[in-house]
N, C-alpha and C. Protein backbone atom coordinates (compact mmCIF):
# COMPACT_ATOMS: atom_id res chain seq x y z
N MET A 1 24.19 21.18 5.08
CA MET A 1 23.09 19.79 4.30
C MET A 1 22.25 19.11 5.45
N PRO A 2 20.75 19.27 4.63
CA PRO A 2 19.45 18.95 5.29
C PRO A 2 19.79 17.75 6.11
N GLN A 3 18.74 17.76 7.57
CA GLN A 3 19.78 16.65 8.59
C GLN A 3 18.83 15.28 8.08
N LEU A 4 18.06 15.79 7.81
CA LEU A 4 17.15 13.92 7.77
C LEU A 4 18.93 13.94 5.99
N LEU A 5 18.95 13.96 5.40
CA LEU A 5 20.45 13.66 4.12
C LEU A 5 21.59 13.26 5.54
N ILE A 6 21.49 13.58 6.22
CA ILE A 6 23.64 13.16 7.08
C ILE A 6 22.77 11.92 7.63
N ASN A 7 21.76 12.10 8.71
CA ASN A 7 21.30 10.83 9.19
C ASN A 7 20.47 10.14 8.38
N LEU A 8 20.88 9.50 7.02
CA LEU A 8 20.36 8.54 5.97
C LEU A 8 21.85 8.48 5.27
N LEU A 9 22.69 8.82 5.00
CA LEU A 9 24.04 9.34 4.88
C LEU A 9 24.81 8.20 6.06
N GLU A 10 24.73 9.02 7.45
CA GLU A 10 24.94 7.79 8.86
C GLU A 10 24.77 6.96 8.50
N THR A 11 23.57 5.93 8.35
CA THR A 11 22.74 4.87 8.44
C THR A 11 23.10 3.63 7.89
N ILE A 12 23.27 4.99 6.32
CA ILE A 12 23.93 3.71 5.06
C ILE A 12 25.46 3.52 5.78
N LEU A 13 25.46 4.23 6.42
CA LEU A 13 27.46 3.95 6.85
C LEU A 13 27.97 3.16 7.42
N LEU A 14 26.20 2.86 8.51
CA LEU A 14 26.47 2.24 9.06
C LEU A 14 26.38 0.82 9.10
N GLU A 15 25.02 0.26 8.29
CA GLU A 15 24.17 0.11 8.26
C GLU A 15 24.68 -1.35 7.49
N THR A 16 24.98 -0.49 5.84
CA THR A 16 26.21 -2.09 4.59
C THR A 16 26.84 -2.92 5.37
N PRO A 17 28.20 -2.95 6.07
CA PRO A 17 29.09 -3.45 6.65
C PRO A 17 28.24 -4.91 7.32
N VAL A 18 26.69 -4.49 7.67
CA VAL A 18 25.45 -5.36 8.69
C VAL A 18 25.61 -6.31 7.31
N TRP A 19 24.18 -5.48 6.51
CA TRP A 19 23.85 -5.71 5.75
C TRP A 19 25.51 -7.00 4.85
N TRP A 20 25.78 -6.91 4.80
CA TRP A 20 27.39 -7.54 3.54
C TRP A 20 27.55 -8.61 4.10
N ILE A 21 27.57 -8.34 5.28
CA ILE A 21 27.98 -9.53 6.34
C ILE A 21 27.21 -10.42 6.10
N GLY A 22 25.77 -10.07 6.58
CA GLY A 22 24.63 -11.23 6.25
C GLY A 22 24.80 -12.09 4.78
N TYR A 23 25.35 -10.85 4.25
CA TYR A 23 24.49 -11.59 2.69
C TYR A 23 25.75 -11.84 1.84
N ARG A 24 26.79 -12.13 1.71
CA ARG A 24 27.60 -11.69 1.36
C ARG A 24 28.15 -12.64 0.08
N LYS A 25 26.91 -13.54 -0.24
CA LYS A 25 27.38 -13.92 -1.56
C LYS A 25 26.07 -13.60 -2.75
N GLU A 26 25.66 -11.96 -2.25
CA GLU A 26 25.09 -11.58 -3.44
C GLU A 26 26.54 -10.67 -3.44
N PRO A 27 26.58 -9.60 -4.94
CA PRO A 27 27.21 -8.64 -5.29
C PRO A 27 27.92 -7.43 -4.09
N ALA A 28 28.82 -6.72 -4.68
CA ALA A 28 28.13 -6.16 -3.45
C ALA A 28 27.59 -4.62 -3.67
N LEU A 29 28.05 -4.16 -5.07
CA LEU A 29 26.74 -3.20 -5.46
C LEU A 29 25.19 -4.07 -5.21
N HIS A 30 24.86 -4.98 -5.90
CA HIS A 30 23.56 -5.26 -5.39
C HIS A 30 23.49 -4.29 -4.01
N ILE A 31 23.99 -4.81 -2.47
CA ILE A 31 23.89 -5.10 -1.16
C ILE A 31 23.97 -3.63 -1.08
N ILE A 32 25.53 -2.99 -1.82
CA ILE A 32 24.74 -1.66 -1.09
C ILE A 32 23.67 -0.11 -2.01
N LEU A 33 23.52 -0.62 -3.27
CA LEU A 33 21.68 0.01 -3.76
C LEU A 33 20.85 -0.86 -3.10
N PHE A 34 20.71 -2.70 -2.74
CA PHE A 34 19.95 -2.52 -1.41
C PHE A 34 19.48 -2.01 -0.45
N VAL A 35 20.88 -1.00 0.70
CA VAL A 35 20.81 -0.64 1.87
C VAL A 35 20.37 0.57 1.00
N ILE A 36 20.36 0.96 0.20
CA ILE A 36 20.36 2.55 0.04
C ILE A 36 19.14 3.11 -0.64
N LEU A 37 18.35 1.87 -1.15
CA LEU A 37 16.87 1.99 -1.48
C LEU A 37 16.79 1.80 0.17
N LEU A 38 17.17 0.41 0.75
CA LEU A 38 16.39 0.28 1.90
C LEU A 38 15.90 1.27 3.00
N ASN A 39 16.38 1.69 3.06
CA ASN A 39 16.72 3.10 4.55
C ASN A 39 16.31 3.96 3.77
N GLY A 40 16.60 4.67 1.54
CA GLY A 40 15.63 5.71 1.97
C GLY A 40 14.40 5.64 1.66
N PHE A 41 13.60 4.49 2.11
CA PHE A 41 12.17 4.29 2.07
C PHE A 41 11.68 4.65 3.14
N THR A 42 12.64 3.80 4.85
CA THR A 42 12.03 3.33 5.74
C THR A 42 12.43 4.32 7.04
N LEU A 43 13.35 5.18 6.09
CA LEU A 43 14.37 6.24 7.38
C LEU A 43 13.69 7.61 7.19
N PRO A 44 12.99 8.19 5.67
CA PRO A 44 11.98 8.64 6.15
C PRO A 44 10.34 8.97 6.68
N LEU A 45 9.83 7.84 6.48
CA LEU A 45 8.92 7.58 7.30
C LEU A 45 9.35 7.50 8.96
N ALA A 46 9.85 6.47 9.09
CA ALA A 46 9.93 6.54 10.21
C ALA A 46 10.93 8.47 11.46
N THR A 47 11.06 8.79 10.65
CA THR A 47 11.16 10.00 11.01
C THR A 47 9.97 10.89 10.72
N PHE A 48 9.39 10.40 10.59
CA PHE A 48 8.37 11.24 10.31
C PHE A 48 6.76 10.92 11.97
N VAL A 49 7.09 9.40 11.50
CA VAL A 49 6.39 9.02 12.27
C VAL A 49 6.53 9.95 13.87
N PHE A 50 7.87 9.35 13.80
CA PHE A 50 8.89 9.85 15.03
C PHE A 50 8.42 11.68 15.27
N HIS A 51 8.72 12.16 14.85
CA HIS A 51 8.92 12.98 15.09
C HIS A 51 7.25 14.30 14.79
N HIS A 52 6.00 13.71 13.78
CA HIS A 52 4.93 14.84 13.48
C HIS A 52 3.98 13.77 14.24
N LEU A 53 3.88 12.26 14.09
CA LEU A 53 3.48 11.75 15.21
C LEU A 53 2.92 11.37 16.19
N ASP A 54 4.39 11.80 16.65
CA ASP A 54 5.03 11.95 18.45
C ASP A 54 4.87 10.42 18.79
N TRP A 55 5.73 9.70 17.69
CA TRP A 55 5.66 7.63 18.52
C TRP A 55 6.46 7.52 19.57
N ASN A 56 6.79 6.15 20.03
CA ASN A 56 8.20 6.43 21.14
C ASN A 56 9.09 5.59 20.22
N TYR A 57 9.85 6.10 20.52
CA TYR A 57 11.24 6.03 19.50
C TYR A 57 11.52 4.57 19.08
N PHE A 58 11.41 3.72 20.83
CA PHE A 58 11.44 2.22 20.53
C PHE A 58 10.38 1.64 20.04
N LEU A 59 9.20 2.20 19.95
CA LEU A 59 8.40 1.61 19.07
C LEU A 59 8.41 1.54 17.35
N VAL A 60 8.44 3.87 17.36
CA VAL A 60 8.92 3.44 15.66
C VAL A 60 10.12 2.55 15.46
N GLU A 61 11.72 1.73 15.97
CA GLU A 61 12.42 0.85 15.48
C GLU A 61 11.84 -0.13 15.72
N ILE A 62 12.05 -0.77 16.17
CA ILE A 62 10.59 -1.48 15.64
C ILE A 62 10.13 -1.91 15.10
N LEU A 63 9.27 -1.21 14.02
CA LEU A 63 8.63 -1.40 13.42
C LEU A 63 9.05 -1.37 11.57
N VAL A 64 10.27 -0.28 11.75
CA VAL A 64 11.22 -0.39 10.81
C VAL A 64 12.26 -2.01 10.90
N VAL A 65 12.07 -2.55 11.55
CA VAL A 65 12.91 -3.91 11.01
C VAL A 65 12.32 -4.90 11.43
N ILE A 66 10.30 -4.49 11.73
CA ILE A 66 9.95 -5.27 10.94
C ILE A 66 9.64 -5.56 9.45
N ALA A 67 9.53 -3.96 9.30
CA ALA A 67 9.60 -3.43 7.55
C ALA A 67 10.32 -3.33 7.29
N GLU A 68 11.42 -3.30 7.22
CA GLU A 68 13.09 -3.99 6.93
C GLU A 68 13.20 -5.49 6.33
N PHE A 69 12.62 -5.95 7.85
CA PHE A 69 13.18 -7.89 7.48
C PHE A 69 11.44 -8.28 6.44
N LEU A 70 10.76 -7.47 6.62
CA LEU A 70 10.01 -8.43 6.07
C LEU A 70 10.45 -7.76 3.87
N ILE A 71 11.02 -6.79 4.03
CA ILE A 71 11.15 -6.20 2.65
C ILE A 71 12.64 -7.50 2.50
N VAL A 72 13.31 -7.94 2.78
CA VAL A 72 14.53 -8.22 2.88
C VAL A 72 13.97 -9.83 2.77
N PHE A 73 13.30 -9.79 3.58
CA PHE A 73 12.97 -11.53 3.09
C PHE A 73 12.35 -11.82 1.63
N ALA A 74 11.95 -10.83 1.35
CA ALA A 74 10.88 -11.16 0.21
C ALA A 74 11.96 -11.12 -0.78
N VAL A 75 12.94 -10.71 -0.83
CA VAL A 75 14.32 -9.94 -1.68
C VAL A 75 14.80 -11.36 -2.10
N PHE A 76 15.34 -11.34 -0.40
CA PHE A 76 16.86 -12.56 -0.53
C PHE A 76 16.15 -13.15 -0.58
N ARG A 77 15.63 -14.49 -0.20
CA ARG A 77 14.61 -15.67 0.79
C ARG A 77 15.66 -16.99 1.26
N LYS A 78 16.22 -15.75 2.65
CA LYS A 78 17.11 -16.08 3.67
C LYS A 78 15.23 -16.60 3.83
N PRO A 79 16.52 -18.04 5.05
CA PRO A 79 15.73 -18.03 6.10
C PRO A 79 14.74 -17.46 6.87
N VAL A 80 13.53 -16.73 8.36
CA VAL A 80 13.40 -15.75 8.29
C VAL A 80 14.11 -15.67 9.08
N TRP A 81 14.35 -16.02 10.05
CA TRP A 81 15.07 -15.84 11.08
C TRP A 81 16.06 -15.22 11.16
N PHE A 82 16.81 -15.61 10.57
CA PHE A 82 18.00 -14.75 9.71
C PHE A 82 18.11 -13.99 8.94
N SER A 83 16.18 -13.23 7.84
CA SER A 83 16.48 -11.76 7.88
C SER A 83 16.30 -10.51 9.27
N ILE A 84 15.13 -11.71 10.44
CA ILE A 84 14.69 -11.29 11.31
C ILE A 84 16.50 -10.52 12.40
N LEU A 85 17.91 -11.48 12.53
CA LEU A 85 18.75 -10.57 12.65
C LEU A 85 19.86 -10.00 12.11
N ILE A 86 19.59 -10.22 11.42
CA ILE A 86 19.89 -8.76 10.02
C ILE A 86 19.50 -7.92 10.33
N ALA A 87 18.09 -8.03 10.02
CA ALA A 87 17.10 -6.23 10.62
C ALA A 87 17.28 -6.50 11.08
N GLY A 88 18.09 -7.10 12.68
CA GLY A 88 17.42 -6.67 13.68
C GLY A 88 19.38 -5.90 14.72
N ILE A 89 20.46 -6.27 13.52
CA ILE A 89 21.38 -6.05 14.10
C ILE A 89 22.37 -4.74 13.79
N ALA A 90 21.49 -4.82 12.36
CA ALA A 90 21.84 -3.82 11.15
C ALA A 90 21.40 -2.10 11.86
N ASN A 91 19.79 -2.55 12.21
CA ASN A 91 18.97 -1.14 12.96
C ASN A 91 19.14 -0.68 14.89
N SER A 92 20.11 -2.07 14.58
CA SER A 92 20.01 -1.75 16.33
C SER A 92 21.85 -0.25 15.69
N LEU A 93 22.20 -0.51 15.29
CA LEU A 93 24.09 0.03 15.17
C LEU A 93 22.87 1.49 14.71
N SER A 94 22.07 1.78 14.08
CA SER A 94 21.90 3.02 13.77
C SER A 94 20.36 3.98 14.91
N ALA A 95 20.20 2.91 15.37
CA ALA A 95 19.46 3.79 16.31
C ALA A 95 19.89 4.19 17.55
N SER A 96 20.80 3.23 16.98
CA SER A 96 22.49 3.77 18.73
C SER A 96 22.21 4.58 18.37
N LEU A 97 22.08 5.37 16.88
CA LEU A 97 23.30 6.52 16.37
C LEU A 97 22.92 7.85 17.01
N PRO A 98 22.10 8.20 18.19
CA PRO A 98 21.35 9.98 18.44
C PRO A 98 22.48 9.25 19.94
N TRP A 99 22.44 7.90 20.37
CA TRP A 99 22.90 8.09 21.68
C TRP A 99 24.16 8.23 21.85
N ILE A 100 24.74 7.87 20.86
CA ILE A 100 26.44 8.06 21.08
C ILE A 100 27.25 9.20 20.43
N GLU A 101 26.75 9.50 19.59
CA GLU A 101 26.52 11.29 18.26
C GLU A 101 26.34 11.86 20.21
N LYS A 102 26.05 11.93 20.57
CA LYS A 102 25.58 12.58 22.41
C LYS A 102 26.86 12.79 23.11
N VAL A 103 26.97 11.39 23.35
CA VAL A 103 28.29 10.59 24.18
C VAL A 103 29.18 12.24 23.76
N MET A 104 29.07 11.21 22.24
CA MET A 104 30.90 11.48 21.70
C MET A 104 30.42 13.35 21.20
N GLY A 105 29.36 14.46 22.02
CA GLY A 105 29.37 15.65 21.92
C GLY A 105 28.73 15.71 20.33
N GLY A 106 28.58 15.41 19.63
CA GLY A 106 27.80 15.49 19.03
C GLY A 106 26.75 16.26 18.70
N SER A 107 25.90 17.17 17.71
CA SER A 107 24.97 18.09 17.73
C SER A 107 23.77 16.91 17.82
């Protein structure tokens, strides 16, 4: 399985509970589909920018948080601070995944 698809699945599995906790009044199916679409958009872009344009990893992750916050704010219309908080928490988990895998002995 291509690495990008594996990364996408891991990201979706990690971030879905955070988005669900933050937006639990929304139907679960909406949250799951939203996380799939959101990460299906931002992960390939972030991967391209990081690997092919050689941008700093943390800068790329900050830009992902900003992009996801803007999308989330536009879709769910929650307060700005709340949208930033949830996007930041969700992406902190997925951004730390490479280090977690390295510590756990993964590839």
